[in-house]
C-alpha cells in the first residue's frame, strides 16, 4: 500500500513551516509515524558546514556523501535532474504519512494551503484544488482551519486518509 502524501503549500512567509512544526507532533500523538520532504527552490543549498569532512568530500567531487551517527543519517547526492515528488516519496519507508512543504505545482497529490492575511488574502489554489485551507481568514468552498488548529487538522487528515494509513 502506498504511503499517503499531503502537500502543505502557500506563499513564502505564510506559515507553512510553523504549521508543520505543530502538525507533526499532533499526528504523532495519534500514533502516526511522520516523514517530511521539503522543496528548496534554489539550486544550491548546504546541509553541511563548509570546511567539515563531508562538505570537503562533496566539494572534491563525490557523487554521493552519507553522514551517519548512532541516531540519524543524511545523504547528499548530485542530480542530473530534479526528481519528481512521486520518485522522492518512493524513497521514504517505515512511516504512516508523508507531509511536504512546497511542491505546489505537482497536482498528483492532495494539498493543504496556508493563507495568511498579512501575506495575501487570496489563496494560490481554488477550493476544489485543496483538501483544506489553514488561515486567519474565513475562506469558503473547502474546509478551513485556524492557523493554530493543528489538532483539528490532524483529525481531519486521519478521517480523510484513514483507508490509506496503515496502523
C-alpha atoms as a PDB file:
ATOM      1  CA  UNK A   1       0.000   0.000   0.000  1.00  0.00           C
ATOM      2  CA  UNK A   2       1.250   3.472  -0.890  1.00  0.00           C
ATOM      3  CA  UNK A   3       2.044   5.852   1.948  1.00  0.00           C
ATOM      4  CA  UNK A   4      -0.382   8.820   1.828  1.00  0.00           C
ATOM      5  CA  UNK A   5       1.279  12.103   0.932  1.00  0.00           C
ATOM      6  CA  UNK A   6      -0.135  15.574   1.603  1.00  0.00           C
ATOM      7  CA  UNK A   7       1.454  18.778   0.320  1.00  0.00           C
ATOM      8  CA  UNK A   8       1.499  21.848   2.562  1.00  0.00           C
ATOM      9  CA  UNK A   9       1.606  24.830   0.201  1.00  0.00           C
ATOM     10  CA  UNK A  10       1.266  28.591   0.403  1.00  0.00           C
ATOM     11  CA  UNK A  11       3.087  31.813  -0.271  1.00  0.00           C
ATOM     12  CA  UNK A  12       6.520  32.386   1.242  1.00  0.00           C
ATOM     13  CA  UNK A  13       6.101  33.635   4.805  1.00  0.00           C
ATOM     14  CA  UNK A  14       2.551  32.288   5.127  1.00  0.00           C
ATOM     15  CA  UNK A  15       3.424  29.890   7.941  1.00  0.00           C
ATOM     16  CA  UNK A  16       3.944  26.538   6.197  1.00  0.00           C
ATOM     17  CA  UNK A  17       6.917  25.573   8.369  1.00  0.00           C
ATOM     18  CA  UNK A  18       5.181  26.730  11.549  1.00  0.00           C
ATOM     19  CA  UNK A  19       2.132  24.651  10.625  1.00  0.00           C
ATOM     20  CA  UNK A  20       4.327  21.582  10.059  1.00  0.00           C
ATOM     21  CA  UNK A  21       6.039  22.136  13.419  1.00  0.00           C
ATOM     22  CA  UNK A  22       2.591  21.864  15.049  1.00  0.00           C
ATOM     23  CA  UNK A  23       1.047  19.227  12.775  1.00  0.00           C
ATOM     24  CA  UNK A  24       3.878  16.669  13.070  1.00  0.00           C
ATOM     25  CA  UNK A  25       3.531  16.231  16.858  1.00  0.00           C
ATOM     26  CA  UNK A  26      -0.285  16.308  16.576  1.00  0.00           C
ATOM     27  CA  UNK A  27      -0.153  13.360  14.163  1.00  0.00           C
ATOM     28  CA  UNK A  28       2.451  11.588  16.301  1.00  0.00           C
ATOM     29  CA  UNK A  29       0.185  11.977  19.344  1.00  0.00           C
ATOM     30  CA  UNK A  30      -2.390   9.988  17.355  1.00  0.00           C
ATOM     31  CA  UNK A  31       0.109   7.167  16.824  1.00  0.00           C
ATOM     32  CA  UNK A  32       1.316   8.044  13.317  1.00  0.00           C
ATOM     33  CA  UNK A  33       4.913   7.983  12.123  1.00  0.00           C
ATOM     34  CA  UNK A  34       5.515  11.098  10.015  1.00  0.00           C
ATOM     35  CA  UNK A  35       8.097  11.910   7.323  1.00  0.00           C
ATOM     36  CA  UNK A  36       8.571  15.241   5.594  1.00  0.00           C
ATOM     37  CA  UNK A  37      10.003  16.301   2.258  1.00  0.00           C
ATOM     38  CA  UNK A  38      10.975  19.963   1.832  1.00  0.00           C
ATOM     39  CA  UNK A  39      11.236  21.550  -1.602  1.00  0.00           C
ATOM     40  CA  UNK A  40      14.010  24.113  -1.917  1.00  0.00           C
ATOM     41  CA  UNK A  41      13.544  26.396  -4.910  1.00  0.00           C
ATOM     42  CA  UNK A  42      17.189  27.433  -5.171  1.00  0.00           C
ATOM     43  CA  UNK A  43      19.560  25.034  -6.956  1.00  0.00           C
ATOM     44  CA  UNK A  44      22.307  25.138  -4.354  1.00  0.00           C
ATOM     45  CA  UNK A  45      21.894  24.556  -0.640  1.00  0.00           C
ATOM     46  CA  UNK A  46      24.166  23.222   2.057  1.00  0.00           C
ATOM     47  CA  UNK A  47      23.216  20.891   4.895  1.00  0.00           C
ATOM     48  CA  UNK A  48      26.819  20.618   5.945  1.00  0.00           C
ATOM     49  CA  UNK A  49      29.198  23.231   7.242  1.00  0.00           C
ATOM     50  CA  UNK A  50      31.859  24.490   4.823  1.00  0.00           C
ATOM     51  CA  UNK A  51      35.204  23.013   5.786  1.00  0.00           C
ATOM     52  CA  UNK A  52      33.752  19.932   7.514  1.00  0.00           C
ATOM     53  CA  UNK A  53      34.686  16.457   6.265  1.00  0.00           C
ATOM     54  CA  UNK A  54      31.510  15.594   4.344  1.00  0.00           C
ATOM     55  CA  UNK A  55      31.408  19.055   2.765  1.00  0.00           C
ATOM     56  CA  UNK A  56      35.001  18.534   1.661  1.00  0.00           C
ATOM     57  CA  UNK A  57      34.135  15.114   0.195  1.00  0.00           C
ATOM     58  CA  UNK A  58      31.301  16.640  -1.860  1.00  0.00           C
ATOM     59  CA  UNK A  59      33.415  19.597  -2.959  1.00  0.00           C
ATOM     60  CA  UNK A  60      36.105  17.117  -4.058  1.00  0.00           C
ATOM     61  CA  UNK A  61      33.572  15.625  -6.480  1.00  0.00           C
ATOM     62  CA  UNK A  62      31.949  12.645  -4.716  1.00  0.00           C
ATOM     63  CA  UNK A  63      28.674  11.693  -6.443  1.00  0.00           C
ATOM     64  CA  UNK A  64      27.071  10.897  -3.079  1.00  0.00           C
ATOM     65  CA  UNK A  65      28.111  11.606   0.502  1.00  0.00           C
ATOM     66  CA  UNK A  66      26.476   9.979   3.512  1.00  0.00           C
ATOM     67  CA  UNK A  67      26.975  11.004   7.104  1.00  0.00           C
ATOM     68  CA  UNK A  68      25.791   8.615   9.809  1.00  0.00           C
ATOM     69  CA  UNK A  69      25.614   8.780  13.594  1.00  0.00           C
ATOM     70  CA  UNK A  70      24.010   6.385  16.067  1.00  0.00           C
ATOM     71  CA  UNK A  71      20.697   8.308  15.817  1.00  0.00           C
ATOM     72  CA  UNK A  72      20.461   9.901  12.347  1.00  0.00           C
ATOM     73  CA  UNK A  73      21.865   9.990   8.844  1.00  0.00           C
ATOM     74  CA  UNK A  74      21.857  12.236   5.805  1.00  0.00           C
ATOM     75  CA  UNK A  75      22.774  11.725   2.160  1.00  0.00           C
ATOM     76  CA  UNK A  76      23.833  14.440  -0.255  1.00  0.00           C
ATOM     77  CA  UNK A  77      23.699  13.257  -3.864  1.00  0.00           C
ATOM     78  CA  UNK A  78      24.441  15.007  -7.161  1.00  0.00           C
ATOM     79  CA  UNK A  79      21.472  15.017  -9.538  1.00  0.00           C
ATOM     80  CA  UNK A  80      21.187  15.093 -13.313  1.00  0.00           C
ATOM     81  CA  UNK A  81      17.583  16.313 -12.962  1.00  0.00           C
ATOM     82  CA  UNK A  82      15.253  17.180 -10.107  1.00  0.00           C
ATOM     83  CA  UNK A  83      13.291  14.060  -9.115  1.00  0.00           C
ATOM     84  CA  UNK A  84       9.507  14.165  -9.173  1.00  0.00           C
ATOM     85  CA  UNK A  85       7.631  14.162  -5.906  1.00  0.00           C
ATOM     86  CA  UNK A  86       6.468  10.605  -6.630  1.00  0.00           C
ATOM     87  CA  UNK A  87      10.094   9.492  -7.071  1.00  0.00           C
ATOM     88  CA  UNK A  88      11.066  11.161  -3.804  1.00  0.00           C
ATOM     89  CA  UNK A  89       8.136   9.593  -1.950  1.00  0.00           C
ATOM     90  CA  UNK A  90       9.188   6.129  -3.165  1.00  0.00           C
ATOM     91  CA  UNK A  91      12.405   6.532  -1.185  1.00  0.00           C
ATOM     92  CA  UNK A  92      10.563   7.068   2.111  1.00  0.00           C
ATOM     93  CA  UNK A  93       9.792   3.941   4.132  1.00  0.00           C
ATOM     94  CA  UNK A  94       8.535   2.903   7.552  1.00  0.00           C
ATOM     95  CA  UNK A  95       6.165   5.841   8.065  1.00  0.00           C
ATOM     96  CA  UNK A  96       2.387   6.261   8.027  1.00  0.00           C
ATOM     97  CA  UNK A  97       2.148   9.636   6.273  1.00  0.00           C
ATOM     98  CA  UNK A  98       4.427  11.951   4.283  1.00  0.00           C
ATOM     99  CA  UNK A  99       3.970  15.710   4.548  1.00  0.00           C
ATOM    100  CA  UNK A 100       5.714  18.001   2.105  1.00  0.00           C
ATOM    101  CA  UNK A 101       6.454  21.684   2.233  1.00  0.00           C
ATOM    102  CA  UNK A 102       6.185  23.246  -1.183  1.00  0.00           C
ATOM    103  CA  UNK A 103       5.629  21.300  -4.401  1.00  0.00           C
ATOM    104  CA  UNK A 104       2.553  23.403  -5.237  1.00  0.00           C
ATOM    105  CA  UNK A 105       2.702  22.576  -8.956  1.00  0.00           C
ATOM    106  CA  UNK A 106       2.563  18.769  -8.562  1.00  0.00           C
ATOM    107  CA  UNK A 107      -1.155  18.062  -8.821  1.00  0.00           C
ATOM    108  CA  UNK A 108      -0.858  14.288  -8.312  1.00  0.00           C
ATOM    109  CA  UNK A 109      -1.075  14.630  -4.524  1.00  0.00           C
ATOM    110  CA  UNK A 110      -3.604  16.395  -2.280  1.00  0.00           C
ATOM    111  CA  UNK A 111      -2.668  19.782  -0.860  1.00  0.00           C
ATOM    112  CA  UNK A 112      -3.471  21.961   2.104  1.00  0.00           C
ATOM    113  CA  UNK A 113      -2.903  25.651   1.531  1.00  0.00           C
ATOM    114  CA  UNK A 114      -1.799  28.053   4.251  1.00  0.00           C
ATOM    115  CA  UNK A 115      -3.258  31.525   3.634  1.00  0.00           C
ATOM    116  CA  UNK A 116      -2.221  34.379   5.931  1.00  0.00           C
ATOM    117  CA  UNK A 117      -3.910  37.779   5.594  1.00  0.00           C
ATOM    118  CA  UNK A 118      -0.638  39.643   6.116  1.00  0.00           C
ATOM    119  CA  UNK A 119       0.934  37.865   3.095  1.00  0.00           C
ATOM    120  CA  UNK A 120      -2.056  37.821   0.728  1.00  0.00           C
ATOM    121  CA  UNK A 121      -5.771  37.381   1.336  1.00  0.00           C
ATOM    122  CA  UNK A 122      -6.112  35.455  -1.942  1.00  0.00           C
ATOM    123  CA  UNK A 123      -5.316  31.725  -1.985  1.00  0.00           C
ATOM    124  CA  UNK A 124      -3.000  30.379  -4.674  1.00  0.00           C
ATOM    125  CA  UNK A 125      -5.394  27.478  -5.273  1.00  0.00           C
ATOM    126  CA  UNK A 126      -9.137  27.299  -5.884  1.00  0.00           C
ATOM    127  CA  UNK A 127     -11.219  25.466  -3.242  1.00  0.00           C
ATOM    128  CA  UNK A 128     -11.714  22.426  -5.492  1.00  0.00           C
ATOM    129  CA  UNK A 129      -7.912  22.067  -5.750  1.00  0.00           C
ATOM    130  CA  UNK A 130      -7.276  21.701  -1.997  1.00  0.00           C
ATOM    131  CA  UNK A 131      -8.199  19.315   0.796  1.00  0.00           C
ATOM    132  CA  UNK A 132      -8.426  22.308   3.113  1.00  0.00           C
ATOM    133  CA  UNK A 133      -7.206  25.789   3.892  1.00  0.00           C
ATOM    134  CA  UNK A 134      -5.382  26.814   7.057  1.00  0.00           C
ATOM    135  CA  UNK A 135      -5.892  30.527   7.529  1.00  0.00           C
ATOM    136  CA  UNK A 136      -6.566  33.552   9.688  1.00  0.00           C
ATOM    137  CA  UNK A 137      -9.267  34.495   7.160  1.00  0.00           C
ATOM    138  CA  UNK A 138     -12.703  32.943   6.632  1.00  0.00           C
ATOM    139  CA  UNK A 139     -12.358  31.082   3.315  1.00  0.00           C
ATOM    140  CA  UNK A 140     -15.279  29.347   1.602  1.00  0.00           C
ATOM    141  CA  UNK A 141     -15.528  26.306  -0.634  1.00  0.00           C
ATOM    142  CA  UNK A 142     -13.210  23.954   1.294  1.00  0.00           C
ATOM    143  CA  UNK A 143     -12.739  23.061   4.955  1.00  0.00           C
ATOM    144  CA  UNK A 144     -10.857  25.878   6.711  1.00  0.00           C
ATOM    145  CA  UNK A 145      -8.819  25.505   9.898  1.00  0.00           C
ATOM    146  CA  UNK A 146      -7.387  28.240  12.110  1.00  0.00           C
ATOM    147  CA  UNK A 147      -3.628  28.745  11.971  1.00  0.00           C
ATOM    148  CA  UNK A 148      -3.262  27.254  15.473  1.00  0.00           C
ATOM    149  CA  UNK A 149      -5.661  24.305  14.999  1.00  0.00           C
ATOM    150  CA  UNK A 150      -3.115  21.563  14.255  1.00  0.00           C
ATOM    151  CA  UNK A 151      -5.175  19.148  16.349  1.00  0.00           C
ATOM    152  CA  UNK A 152      -8.288  19.658  14.234  1.00  0.00           C
ATOM    153  CA  UNK A 153      -6.253  19.409  11.050  1.00  0.00           C
ATOM    154  CA  UNK A 154      -4.636  16.154  12.252  1.00  0.00           C
ATOM    155  CA  UNK A 155      -8.072  14.650  12.949  1.00  0.00           C
ATOM    156  CA  UNK A 156      -9.289  15.837   9.528  1.00  0.00           C
ATOM    157  CA  UNK A 157      -6.308  14.267   7.749  1.00  0.00           C
ATOM    158  CA  UNK A 158      -6.787  10.964   9.536  1.00  0.00           C
ATOM    159  CA  UNK A 159     -10.505  10.939   8.676  1.00  0.00           C
ATOM    160  CA  UNK A 160      -9.782  11.744   5.005  1.00  0.00           C
ATOM    161  CA  UNK A 161      -6.871   9.317   4.626  1.00  0.00           C
ATOM    162  CA  UNK A 162      -7.939   6.540   7.005  1.00  0.00           C
ATOM    163  CA  UNK A 163      -8.185   3.947   4.241  1.00  0.00           C
ATOM    164  CA  UNK A 164      -4.610   4.711   3.141  1.00  0.00           C
ATOM    165  CA  UNK A 165      -2.991   4.878   6.574  1.00  0.00           C
ATOM    166  CA  UNK A 166      -1.695   1.532   7.783  1.00  0.00           C
ATOM    167  CA  UNK A 167      -1.873   1.226  11.529  1.00  0.00           C
END
